[in-house]
Amino acid sequence: MKSAQRDPGGLRNSFYAPNLVGKTPPGERKIGDNVQVSVRDNNVDQALRALKKKMQREGIYREMKLRRFYEKPSEKRAREHATAIRRARKLERKRAERDGTR
């Protein structure tokens, strides 16, 4: 009986998504840095689902969508400002709902 051979790169036994984000400024965390999922019992579908879930949680899909086209710094500031306003309003709504006001 032939013994199981190991794949040197481990490509048969795991999915690997390299860091899909470009250069990041110092002190800023890289999104999607070394997301790995191992394949158990040759169940590739399950491993693929797990990889997609991890990539979703890490925010890789959102980052890829944002980086599909160049975004001017002024547009980026405006988008981030609008996001911060939405986040603050949502937090205020939740706080008001919890306190029973309105």
PDB file of N, CA and C in Angstrom:
ATOM      1  N   MET A   1       0.847  -1.174   0.000  1.00  0.00           N
ATOM      2  CA  MET A   1       0.000   0.000   0.000  1.00  0.00           C
ATOM      3  C   MET A   1       0.892   1.236   0.000  1.00  0.00           C
ATOM      4  N   LYS A   2       0.534   2.183  -0.795  1.00  0.00           N
ATOM      5  CA  LYS A   2       1.320   3.406  -0.936  1.00  0.00           C
ATOM      6  C   LYS A   2       0.999   4.370   0.199  1.00  0.00           C
ATOM      7  N   SER A   3       2.033   4.956   0.789  1.00  0.00           N
ATOM      8  CA  SER A   3       1.776   5.918   1.865  1.00  0.00           C
ATOM      9  C   SER A   3       1.339   7.252   1.264  1.00  0.00           C
ATOM     10  N   ALA A   4       0.597   7.980   2.033  1.00  0.00           N
ATOM     11  CA  ALA A   4       0.094   9.278   1.561  1.00  0.00           C
ATOM     12  C   ALA A   4       1.263  10.238   1.378  1.00  0.00           C
ATOM     13  N   GLN A   5       1.347  10.835   0.208  1.00  0.00           N
ATOM     14  CA  GLN A   5       2.419  11.785  -0.070  1.00  0.00           C
ATOM     15  C   GLN A   5       1.960  13.179   0.313  1.00  0.00           C
ATOM     16  N   ARG A   6       2.879  13.921   0.889  1.00  0.00           N
ATOM     17  CA  ARG A   6       2.554  15.300   1.263  1.00  0.00           C
ATOM     18  C   ARG A   6       2.863  16.219   0.100  1.00  0.00           C
ATOM     19  N   ASP A   7       1.985  17.126  -0.124  1.00  0.00           N
ATOM     20  CA  ASP A   7       2.213  18.146  -1.140  1.00  0.00           C
ATOM     21  C   ASP A   7       3.108  19.198  -0.509  1.00  0.00           C
ATOM     22  N   PRO A   8       4.278  19.509  -1.105  1.00  0.00           N
ATOM     23  CA  PRO A   8       5.209  20.445  -0.465  1.00  0.00           C
ATOM     24  C   PRO A   8       4.606  21.813  -0.204  1.00  0.00           C
ATOM     25  N   GLY A   9       3.769  22.299  -1.088  1.00  0.00           N
ATOM     26  CA  GLY A   9       3.162  23.611  -0.878  1.00  0.00           C
ATOM     27  C   GLY A   9       1.878  23.523  -0.082  1.00  0.00           C
ATOM     28  N   GLY A  10       1.377  22.326   0.132  1.00  0.00           N
ATOM     29  CA  GLY A  10       0.133  22.156   0.863  1.00  0.00           C
ATOM     30  C   GLY A  10      -1.079  22.606   0.069  1.00  0.00           C
ATOM     31  N   LEU A  11      -0.938  22.697  -1.251  1.00  0.00           N
ATOM     32  CA  LEU A  11      -2.033  23.226  -2.062  1.00  0.00           C
ATOM     33  C   LEU A  11      -3.206  22.262  -2.156  1.00  0.00           C
ATOM     34  N   ARG A  12      -2.931  20.978  -2.050  1.00  0.00           N
ATOM     35  CA  ARG A  12      -4.026  20.022  -2.120  1.00  0.00           C
ATOM     36  C   ARG A  12      -4.841  20.003  -0.831  1.00  0.00           C
ATOM     37  N   ASN A  13      -4.212  20.404   0.269  1.00  0.00           N
ATOM     38  CA  ASN A  13      -4.858  20.268   1.563  1.00  0.00           C
ATOM     39  C   ASN A  13      -5.426  21.560   2.124  1.00  0.00           C
ATOM     40  N   SER A  14      -5.258  22.668   1.438  1.00  0.00           N
ATOM     41  CA  SER A  14      -5.804  23.904   1.978  1.00  0.00           C
ATOM     42  C   SER A  14      -6.006  24.928   0.881  1.00  0.00           C
ATOM     43  N   PHE A  15      -6.928  25.846   1.156  1.00  0.00           N
ATOM     44  CA  PHE A  15      -7.110  27.006   0.294  1.00  0.00           C
ATOM     45  C   PHE A  15      -6.334  28.141   0.919  1.00  0.00           C
ATOM     46  N   TYR A  16      -5.775  29.013   0.106  1.00  0.00           N
ATOM     47  CA  TYR A  16      -4.969  30.100   0.626  1.00  0.00           C
ATOM     48  C   TYR A  16      -5.347  31.367  -0.107  1.00  0.00           C
ATOM     49  N   ALA A  17      -5.681  32.399   0.623  1.00  0.00           N
ATOM     50  CA  ALA A  17      -5.975  33.698   0.027  1.00  0.00           C
ATOM     51  C   ALA A  17      -4.898  34.666   0.493  1.00  0.00           C
ATOM     52  N   PRO A  18      -3.971  35.031  -0.373  1.00  0.00           N
ATOM     53  CA  PRO A  18      -2.910  35.945   0.050  1.00  0.00           C
ATOM     54  C   PRO A  18      -3.471  37.322   0.352  1.00  0.00           C
ATOM     55  N   ASN A  19      -2.646  38.146   0.923  1.00  0.00           N
ATOM     56  CA  ASN A  19      -3.072  39.500   1.243  1.00  0.00           C
ATOM     57  C   ASN A  19      -3.445  40.204  -0.055  1.00  0.00           C
ATOM     58  N   LEU A  20      -4.719  40.487  -0.226  1.00  0.00           N
ATOM     59  CA  LEU A  20      -5.204  41.083  -1.465  1.00  0.00           C
ATOM     60  C   LEU A  20      -5.170  42.600  -1.434  1.00  0.00           C
ATOM     61  N   VAL A  21      -4.738  43.143  -0.333  1.00  0.00           N
ATOM     62  CA  VAL A  21      -4.695  44.580  -0.169  1.00  0.00           C
ATOM     63  C   VAL A  21      -3.301  45.053  -0.568  1.00  0.00           C
ATOM     64  N   GLY A  22      -3.214  46.220  -1.168  1.00  0.00           N
ATOM     65  CA  GLY A  22      -1.915  46.760  -1.559  1.00  0.00           C
ATOM     66  C   GLY A  22      -1.093  47.167  -0.358  1.00  0.00           C
ATOM     67  N   LYS A  23      -0.260  48.148  -0.522  1.00  0.00           N
ATOM     68  CA  LYS A  23       0.573  48.615   0.582  1.00  0.00           C
ATOM     69  C   LYS A  23      -0.287  49.336   1.608  1.00  0.00           C
ATOM     70  N   THR A  24       0.021  49.124   2.870  1.00  0.00           N
ATOM     71  CA  THR A  24      -0.722  49.793   3.929  1.00  0.00           C
ATOM     72  C   THR A  24       0.216  50.729   4.679  1.00  0.00           C
ATOM     73  N   PRO A  25      -0.281  51.838   5.143  1.00  0.00           N
ATOM     74  CA  PRO A  25       0.553  52.775   5.900  1.00  0.00           C
ATOM     75  C   PRO A  25       1.059  52.133   7.184  1.00  0.00           C
ATOM     76  N   PRO A  26       2.171  52.613   7.715  1.00  0.00           N
ATOM     77  CA  PRO A  26       2.703  52.044   8.950  1.00  0.00           C
ATOM     78  C   PRO A  26       1.690  52.148  10.082  1.00  0.00           C
ATOM     79  N   GLY A  27       1.590  51.099  10.868  1.00  0.00           N
ATOM     80  CA  GLY A  27       0.675  51.089  11.993  1.00  0.00           C
ATOM     81  C   GLY A  27      -0.732  50.665  11.635  1.00  0.00           C
ATOM     82  N   GLU A  28      -1.041  50.545  10.355  1.00  0.00           N
ATOM     83  CA  GLU A  28      -2.378  50.132   9.943  1.00  0.00           C
ATOM     84  C   GLU A  28      -2.377  48.640   9.671  1.00  0.00           C
ATOM     85  N   ARG A  29      -3.400  47.967  10.139  1.00  0.00           N
ATOM     86  CA  ARG A  29      -3.498  46.518  10.010  1.00  0.00           C
ATOM     87  C   ARG A  29      -3.825  46.130   8.573  1.00  0.00           C
ATOM     88  N   LYS A  30      -3.210  45.063   8.092  1.00  0.00           N
ATOM     89  CA  LYS A  30      -3.514  44.562   6.759  1.00  0.00           C
ATOM     90  C   LYS A  30      -4.764  43.703   6.843  1.00  0.00           C
ATOM     91  N   ILE A  31      -5.686  43.938   5.938  1.00  0.00           N
ATOM     92  CA  ILE A  31      -6.917  43.157   5.923  1.00  0.00           C
ATOM     93  C   ILE A  31      -6.680  41.910   5.082  1.00  0.00           C
ATOM     94  N   GLY A  32      -7.067  40.765   5.598  1.00  0.00           N
ATOM     95  CA  GLY A  32      -6.944  39.528   4.837  1.00  0.00           C
ATOM     96  C   GLY A  32      -5.549  38.966   4.808  1.00  0.00           C
ATOM     97  N   ASP A  33      -4.744  39.301   5.777  1.00  0.00           N
ATOM     98  CA  ASP A  33      -3.378  38.804   5.801  1.00  0.00           C
ATOM     99  C   ASP A  33      -3.382  37.327   6.165  1.00  0.00           C
ATOM    100  N   ASN A  34      -3.021  36.495   5.204  1.00  0.00           N
ATOM    101  CA  ASN A  34      -2.892  35.049   5.389  1.00  0.00           C
ATOM    102  C   ASN A  34      -4.162  34.380   5.911  1.00  0.00           C
ATOM    103  N   VAL A  35      -5.219  34.461   5.144  1.00  0.00           N
ATOM    104  CA  VAL A  35      -6.448  33.757   5.479  1.00  0.00           C
ATOM    105  C   VAL A  35      -6.291  32.327   4.959  1.00  0.00           C
ATOM    106  N   GLN A  36      -6.350  31.350   5.847  1.00  0.00           N
ATOM    107  CA  GLN A  36      -6.171  29.956   5.452  1.00  0.00           C
ATOM    108  C   GLN A  36      -7.296  29.097   5.986  1.00  0.00           C
ATOM    109  N   VAL A  37      -7.633  28.063   5.213  1.00  0.00           N
ATOM    110  CA  VAL A  37      -8.638  27.093   5.618  1.00  0.00           C
ATOM    111  C   VAL A  37      -8.112  25.725   5.215  1.00  0.00           C
ATOM    112  N   SER A  38      -8.180  24.763   6.101  1.00  0.00           N
ATOM    113  CA  SER A  38      -7.715  23.420   5.753  1.00  0.00           C
ATOM    114  C   SER A  38      -8.889  22.582   5.252  1.00  0.00           C
ATOM    115  N   VAL A  39      -8.579  21.675   4.319  1.00  0.00           N
ATOM    116  CA  VAL A  39      -9.584  20.787   3.738  1.00  0.00           C
ATOM    117  C   VAL A  39      -9.546  19.480   4.519  1.00  0.00           C
ATOM    118  N   ARG A  40     -10.679  19.094   5.074  1.00  0.00           N
ATOM    119  CA  ARG A  40     -10.745  17.847   5.837  1.00  0.00           C
ATOM    120  C   ARG A  40     -11.570  16.820   5.066  1.00  0.00           C
ATOM    121  N   ASP A  41     -11.086  15.623   5.015  1.00  0.00           N
ATOM    122  CA  ASP A  41     -11.786  14.493   4.367  1.00  0.00           C
ATOM    123  C   ASP A  41     -12.149  14.794   2.913  1.00  0.00           C
ATOM    124  N   ASN A  42     -11.264  15.490   2.215  1.00  0.00           N
ATOM    125  CA  ASN A  42     -11.477  15.849   0.808  1.00  0.00           C
ATOM    126  C   ASN A  42     -12.803  16.574   0.576  1.00  0.00           C
ATOM    127  N   ASN A  43     -13.279  17.282   1.570  1.00  0.00           N
ATOM    128  CA  ASN A  43     -14.526  18.033   1.453  1.00  0.00           C
ATOM    129  C   ASN A  43     -14.191  19.463   1.041  1.00  0.00           C
ATOM    130  N   VAL A  44     -14.020  19.654  -0.252  1.00  0.00           N
ATOM    131  CA  VAL A  44     -13.608  20.947  -0.789  1.00  0.00           C
ATOM    132  C   VAL A  44     -14.718  21.981  -0.664  1.00  0.00           C
ATOM    133  N   ASP A  45     -15.957  21.550  -0.850  1.00  0.00           N
ATOM    134  CA  ASP A  45     -17.079  22.487  -0.776  1.00  0.00           C
ATOM    135  C   ASP A  45     -17.175  23.129   0.607  1.00  0.00           C
ATOM    136  N   GLN A  46     -17.012  22.312   1.642  1.00  0.00           N
ATOM    137  CA  GLN A  46     -17.082  22.841   3.002  1.00  0.00           C
ATOM    138  C   GLN A  46     -15.934  23.815   3.257  1.00  0.00           C
ATOM    139  N   ALA A  47     -14.730  23.469   2.770  1.00  0.00           N
ATOM    140  CA  ALA A  47     -13.578  24.345   2.964  1.00  0.00           C
ATOM    141  C   ALA A  47     -13.762  25.659   2.212  1.00  0.00           C
ATOM    142  N   LEU A  48     -14.346  25.588   1.027  1.00  0.00           N
ATOM    143  CA  LEU A  48     -14.587  26.800   0.240  1.00  0.00           C
ATOM    144  C   LEU A  48     -15.593  27.711   0.939  1.00  0.00           C
ATOM    145  N   ARG A  49     -16.645  27.109   1.519  1.00  0.00           N
ATOM    146  CA  ARG A  49     -17.621  27.900   2.275  1.00  0.00           C
ATOM    147  C   ARG A  49     -16.963  28.571   3.472  1.00  0.00           C
ATOM    148  N   ALA A  50     -16.094  27.823   4.168  1.00  0.00           N
ATOM    149  CA  ALA A  50     -15.408  28.383   5.333  1.00  0.00           C
ATOM    150  C   ALA A  50     -14.489  29.530   4.918  1.00  0.00           C
ATOM    151  N   LEU A  51     -13.810  29.366   3.763  1.00  0.00           N
ATOM    152  CA  LEU A  51     -12.922  30.425   3.273  1.00  0.00           C
ATOM    153  C   LEU A  51     -13.712  31.676   2.936  1.00  0.00           C
ATOM    154  N   LYS A  52     -14.833  31.508   2.256  1.00  0.00           N
ATOM    155  CA  LYS A  52     -15.665  32.660   1.902  1.00  0.00           C
ATOM    156  C   LYS A  52     -16.171  33.373   3.150  1.00  0.00           C
ATOM    157  N   LYS A  53     -16.554  32.606   4.180  1.00  0.00           N
ATOM    158  CA  LYS A  53     -17.044  33.194   5.418  1.00  0.00           C
ATOM    159  C   LYS A  53     -15.936  33.989   6.107  1.00  0.00           C
ATOM    160  N   LYS A  54     -14.719  33.419   6.128  1.00  0.00           N
ATOM    161  CA  LYS A  54     -13.591  34.118   6.750  1.00  0.00           C
ATOM    162  C   LYS A  54     -13.265  35.398   5.984  1.00  0.00           C
ATOM    163  N   MET A  55     -13.292  35.323   4.652  1.00  0.00           N
ATOM    164  CA  MET A  55     -12.995  36.497   3.838  1.00  0.00           C
ATOM    165  C   MET A  55     -14.049  37.577   4.055  1.00  0.00           C
ATOM    166  N   GLN A  56     -15.301  37.159   4.222  1.00  0.00           N
ATOM    167  CA  GLN A  56     -16.379  38.110   4.483  1.00  0.00           C
ATOM    168  C   GLN A  56     -16.152  38.799   5.820  1.00  0.00           C
ATOM    169  N   ARG A  57     -15.807  37.998   6.854  1.00  0.00           N
ATOM    170  CA  ARG A  57     -15.576  38.553   8.189  1.00  0.00           C
ATOM    171  C   ARG A  57     -14.390  39.504   8.207  1.00  0.00           C
ATOM    172  N   GLU A  58     -13.350  39.182   7.453  1.00  0.00           N
ATOM    173  CA  GLU A  58     -12.149  40.013   7.413  1.00  0.00           C
ATOM    174  C   GLU A  58     -12.374  41.302   6.632  1.00  0.00           C
ATOM    175  N   GLY A  59     -13.416  41.353   5.822  1.00  0.00           N
ATOM    176  CA  GLY A  59     -13.689  42.554   5.041  1.00  0.00           C
ATOM    177  C   GLY A  59     -12.944  42.593   3.727  1.00  0.00           C
ATOM    178  N   ILE A  60     -12.501  41.440   3.245  1.00  0.00           N
ATOM    179  CA  ILE A  60     -11.730  41.392   1.999  1.00  0.00           C
ATOM    180  C   ILE A  60     -12.604  41.757   0.814  1.00  0.00           C
ATOM    181  N   TYR A  61     -13.839  41.258   0.794  1.00  0.00           N
ATOM    182  CA  TYR A  61     -14.729  41.565  -0.328  1.00  0.00           C
ATOM    183  C   TYR A  61     -15.000  43.060  -0.422  1.00  0.00           C
ATOM    184  N   ARG A  62     -15.256  43.694   0.725  1.00  0.00           N
ATOM    185  CA  ARG A  62     -15.507  45.138   0.746  1.00  0.00           C
ATOM    186  C   ARG A  62     -14.277  45.889   0.244  1.00  0.00           C
ATOM    187  N   GLU A  63     -13.106  45.453   0.707  1.00  0.00           N
ATOM    188  CA  GLU A  63     -11.853  46.103   0.311  1.00  0.00           C
ATOM    189  C   GLU A  63     -11.602  45.944  -1.187  1.00  0.00           C
ATOM    190  N   MET A  64     -11.875  44.749  -1.714  1.00  0.00           N
ATOM    191  CA  MET A  64     -11.676  44.525  -3.153  1.00  0.00           C
ATOM    192  C   MET A  64     -12.616  45.413  -3.964  1.00  0.00           C
ATOM    193  N   LYS A  65     -13.850  45.560  -3.496  1.00  0.00           N
ATOM    194  CA  LYS A  65     -14.818  46.396  -4.191  1.00  0.00           C
ATOM    195  C   LYS A  65     -14.359  47.855  -4.190  1.00  0.00           C
ATOM    196  N   LEU A  66     -13.850  48.322  -3.049  1.00  0.00           N
ATOM    197  CA  LEU A  66     -13.391  49.706  -2.958  1.00  0.00           C
ATOM    198  C   LEU A  66     -12.162  49.953  -3.823  1.00  0.00           C
ATOM    199  N   ARG A  67     -11.305  48.953  -3.944  1.00  0.00           N
ATOM    200  CA  ARG A  67     -10.056  49.131  -4.687  1.00  0.00           C
ATOM    201  C   ARG A  67     -10.173  48.784  -6.165  1.00  0.00           C
ATOM    202  N   ARG A  68     -11.373  48.448  -6.615  1.00  0.00           N
ATOM    203  CA  ARG A  68     -11.565  48.115  -8.024  1.00  0.00           C
ATOM    204  C   ARG A  68     -11.216  49.312  -8.908  1.00  0.00           C
ATOM    205  N   PHE A  69     -11.552  50.513  -8.445  1.00  0.00           N
ATOM    206  CA  PHE A  69     -11.232  51.736  -9.174  1.00  0.00           C
ATOM    207  C   PHE A  69     -10.508  52.690  -8.232  1.00  0.00           C
ATOM    208  N   TYR A  70      -9.751  53.594  -8.819  1.00  0.00           N
ATOM    209  CA  TYR A  70      -9.032  54.582  -8.014  1.00  0.00           C
ATOM    210  C   TYR A  70     -10.044  55.523  -7.373  1.00  0.00           C
ATOM    211  N   GLU A  71      -9.791  55.847  -6.119  1.00  0.00           N
ATOM    212  CA  GLU A  71     -10.643  56.781  -5.397  1.00  0.00           C
ATOM    213  C   GLU A  71      -9.793  57.978  -4.985  1.00  0.00           C
ATOM    214  N   LYS A  72     -10.205  59.153  -5.426  1.00  0.00           N
ATOM    215  CA  LYS A  72      -9.450  60.355  -5.075  1.00  0.00           C
ATOM    216  C   LYS A  72      -9.473  60.554  -3.566  1.00  0.00           C
ATOM    217  N   PRO A  73      -8.401  61.132  -3.013  1.00  0.00           N
ATOM    218  CA  PRO A  73      -8.365  61.360  -1.566  1.00  0.00           C
ATOM    219  C   PRO A  73      -9.560  62.160  -1.055  1.00  0.00           C
ATOM    220  N   SER A  74     -10.015  63.144  -1.838  1.00  0.00           N
ATOM    221  CA  SER A  74     -11.163  63.937  -1.394  1.00  0.00           C
ATOM    222  C   SER A  74     -12.433  63.086  -1.360  1.00  0.00           C
ATOM    223  N   GLU A  75     -12.584  62.173  -2.341  1.00  0.00           N
ATOM    224  CA  GLU A  75     -13.738  61.278  -2.354  1.00  0.00           C
ATOM    225  C   GLU A  75     -13.672  60.301  -1.185  1.00  0.00           C
ATOM    226  N   LYS A  76     -12.466  59.836  -0.877  1.00  0.00           N
ATOM    227  CA  LYS A  76     -12.287  58.911   0.235  1.00  0.00           C
ATOM    228  C   LYS A  76     -12.658  59.584   1.556  1.00  0.00           C
ATOM    229  N   ARG A  77     -12.205  60.841   1.736  1.00  0.00           N
ATOM    230  CA  ARG A  77     -12.547  61.589   2.956  1.00  0.00           C
ATOM    231  C   ARG A  77     -14.054  61.767   3.070  1.00  0.00           C
ATOM    232  N   ALA A  78     -14.693  62.126   1.950  1.00  0.00           N
ATOM    233  CA  ALA A  78     -16.151  62.342   1.961  1.00  0.00           C
ATOM    234  C   ALA A  78     -16.880  61.043   2.294  1.00  0.00           C
ATOM    235  N   ARG A  79     -16.440  59.922   1.707  1.00  0.00           N
ATOM    236  CA  ARG A  79     -17.069  58.633   1.976  1.00  0.00           C
ATOM    237  C   ARG A  79     -16.899  58.236   3.440  1.00  0.00           C
ATOM    238  N   GLU A  80     -15.687  58.398   3.967  1.00  0.00           N
ATOM    239  CA  GLU A  80     -15.433  58.046   5.360  1.00  0.00           C
ATOM    240  C   GLU A  80     -16.217  58.944   6.318  1.00  0.00           C
ATOM    241  N   HIS A  81     -16.349  60.231   5.958  1.00  0.00           N
ATOM    242  CA  HIS A  81     -17.118  61.165   6.773  1.00  0.00           C
ATOM    243  C   HIS A  81     -18.589  60.758   6.805  1.00  0.00           C
ATOM    244  N   ALA A  82     -19.135  60.421   5.632  1.00  0.00           N
ATOM    245  CA  ALA A  82     -20.536  60.003   5.562  1.00  0.00           C
ATOM    246  C   ALA A  82     -20.754  58.709   6.341  1.00  0.00           C
ATOM    247  N   THR A  83     -19.796  57.798   6.271  1.00  0.00           N
ATOM    248  CA  THR A  83     -19.893  56.541   7.021  1.00  0.00           C
ATOM    249  C   THR A  83     -19.884  56.804   8.519  1.00  0.00           C
ATOM    250  N   ALA A  84     -19.031  57.730   8.960  1.00  0.00           N
ATOM    251  CA  ALA A  84     -18.953  58.067  10.382  1.00  0.00           C
ATOM    252  C   ALA A  84     -20.266  58.677  10.862  1.00  0.00           C
ATOM    253  N   ILE A  85     -20.873  59.523  10.029  1.00  0.00           N
ATOM    254  CA  ILE A  85     -22.154  60.141  10.390  1.00  0.00           C
ATOM    255  C   ILE A  85     -23.236  59.072  10.516  1.00  0.00           C
ATOM    256  N   ARG A  86     -23.277  58.145   9.537  1.00  0.00           N
ATOM    257  CA  ARG A  86     -24.267  57.059   9.600  1.00  0.00           C
ATOM    258  C   ARG A  86     -24.069  56.203  10.848  1.00  0.00           C
ATOM    259  N   ARG A  87     -22.803  55.904  11.160  1.00  0.00           N
ATOM    260  CA  ARG A  87     -22.499  55.088  12.337  1.00  0.00           C
ATOM    261  C   ARG A  87     -22.944  55.787  13.623  1.00  0.00           C
ATOM    262  N   ALA A  88     -22.691  57.110  13.706  1.00  0.00           N
ATOM    263  CA  ALA A  88     -23.074  57.882  14.891  1.00  0.00           C
ATOM    264  C   ALA A  88     -24.597  57.945  15.036  1.00  0.00           C
ATOM    265  N   ARG A  89     -25.302  58.144  13.927  1.00  0.00           N
ATOM    266  CA  ARG A  89     -26.769  58.199  13.974  1.00  0.00           C
ATOM    267  C   ARG A  89     -27.351  56.860  14.401  1.00  0.00           C
ATOM    268  N   LYS A  90     -26.772  55.777  13.877  1.00  0.00           N
ATOM    269  CA  LYS A  90     -27.247  54.449  14.239  1.00  0.00           C
ATOM    270  C   LYS A  90     -27.034  54.191  15.729  1.00  0.00           C
ATOM    271  N   LEU A  91     -25.854  54.582  16.238  1.00  0.00           N
ATOM    272  CA  LEU A  91     -25.556  54.416  17.653  1.00  0.00           C
ATOM    273  C   LEU A  91     -26.522  55.228  18.507  1.00  0.00           C
ATOM    274  N   GLU A  92     -26.817  56.451  18.064  1.00  0.00           N
ATOM    275  CA  GLU A  92     -27.753  57.319  18.786  1.00  0.00           C
ATOM    276  C   GLU A  92     -29.162  56.716  18.792  1.00  0.00           C
ATOM    277  N   ARG A  93     -29.595  56.149  17.645  1.00  0.00           N
ATOM    278  CA  ARG A  93     -30.905  55.488  17.574  1.00  0.00           C
ATOM    279  C   ARG A  93     -30.974  54.311  18.542  1.00  0.00           C
ATOM    280  N   LYS A  94     -29.921  53.500  18.548  1.00  0.00           N
ATOM    281  CA  LYS A  94     -29.904  52.342  19.443  1.00  0.00           C
ATOM    282  C   LYS A  94     -29.917  52.777  20.904  1.00  0.00           C
ATOM    283  N   ARG A  95     -29.167  53.825  21.210  1.00  0.00           N
ATOM    284  CA  ARG A  95     -29.116  54.354  22.575  1.00  0.00           C
ATOM    285  C   ARG A  95     -30.484  54.872  22.998  1.00  0.00           C
ATOM    286  N   ALA A  96     -31.150  55.604  22.078  1.00  0.00           N
ATOM    287  CA  ALA A  96     -32.481  56.147  22.378  1.00  0.00           C
ATOM    288  C   ALA A  96     -33.499  55.020  22.559  1.00  0.00           C
ATOM    289  N   GLU A  97     -33.380  53.990  21.741  1.00  0.00           N
ATOM    290  CA  GLU A  97     -34.300  52.847  21.835  1.00  0.00           C
ATOM    291  C   GLU A  97     -34.098  52.124  23.163  1.00  0.00           C
ATOM    292  N   ARG A  98     -32.852  51.978  23.586  1.00  0.00           N
ATOM    293  CA  ARG A  98     -32.550  51.297  24.830  1.00  0.00           C
ATOM    294  C   ARG A  98     -33.052  52.094  26.031  1.00  0.00           C
ATOM    295  N   ASP A  99     -32.890  53.423  25.959  1.00  0.00           N
ATOM    296  CA  ASP A  99     -33.316  54.275  27.071  1.00  0.00           C
ATOM    297  C   ASP A  99     -34.821  54.516  27.073  1.00  0.00           C
ATOM    298  N   GLY A 100     -35.484  54.217  25.974  1.00  0.00           N
ATOM    299  CA  GLY A 100     -36.930  54.366  25.898  1.00  0.00           C
ATOM    300  C   GLY A 100     -37.371  55.784  25.564  1.00  0.00           C
ATOM    301  N   THR A 101     -36.487  56.613  25.076  1.00  0.00           N
ATOM    302  CA  THR A 101     -36.874  57.971  24.697  1.00  0.00           C
ATOM    303  C   THR A 101     -37.324  57.967  23.247  1.00  0.00           C
ATOM    304  N   ARG A 102     -37.922  59.060  22.856  1.00  0.00           N
ATOM    305  CA  ARG A 102     -38.440  59.306  21.504  1.00  0.00           C
ATOM    306  C   ARG A 102     -39.892  59.215  21.462  1.00  0.00           C
TER     307      ARG A 102
END
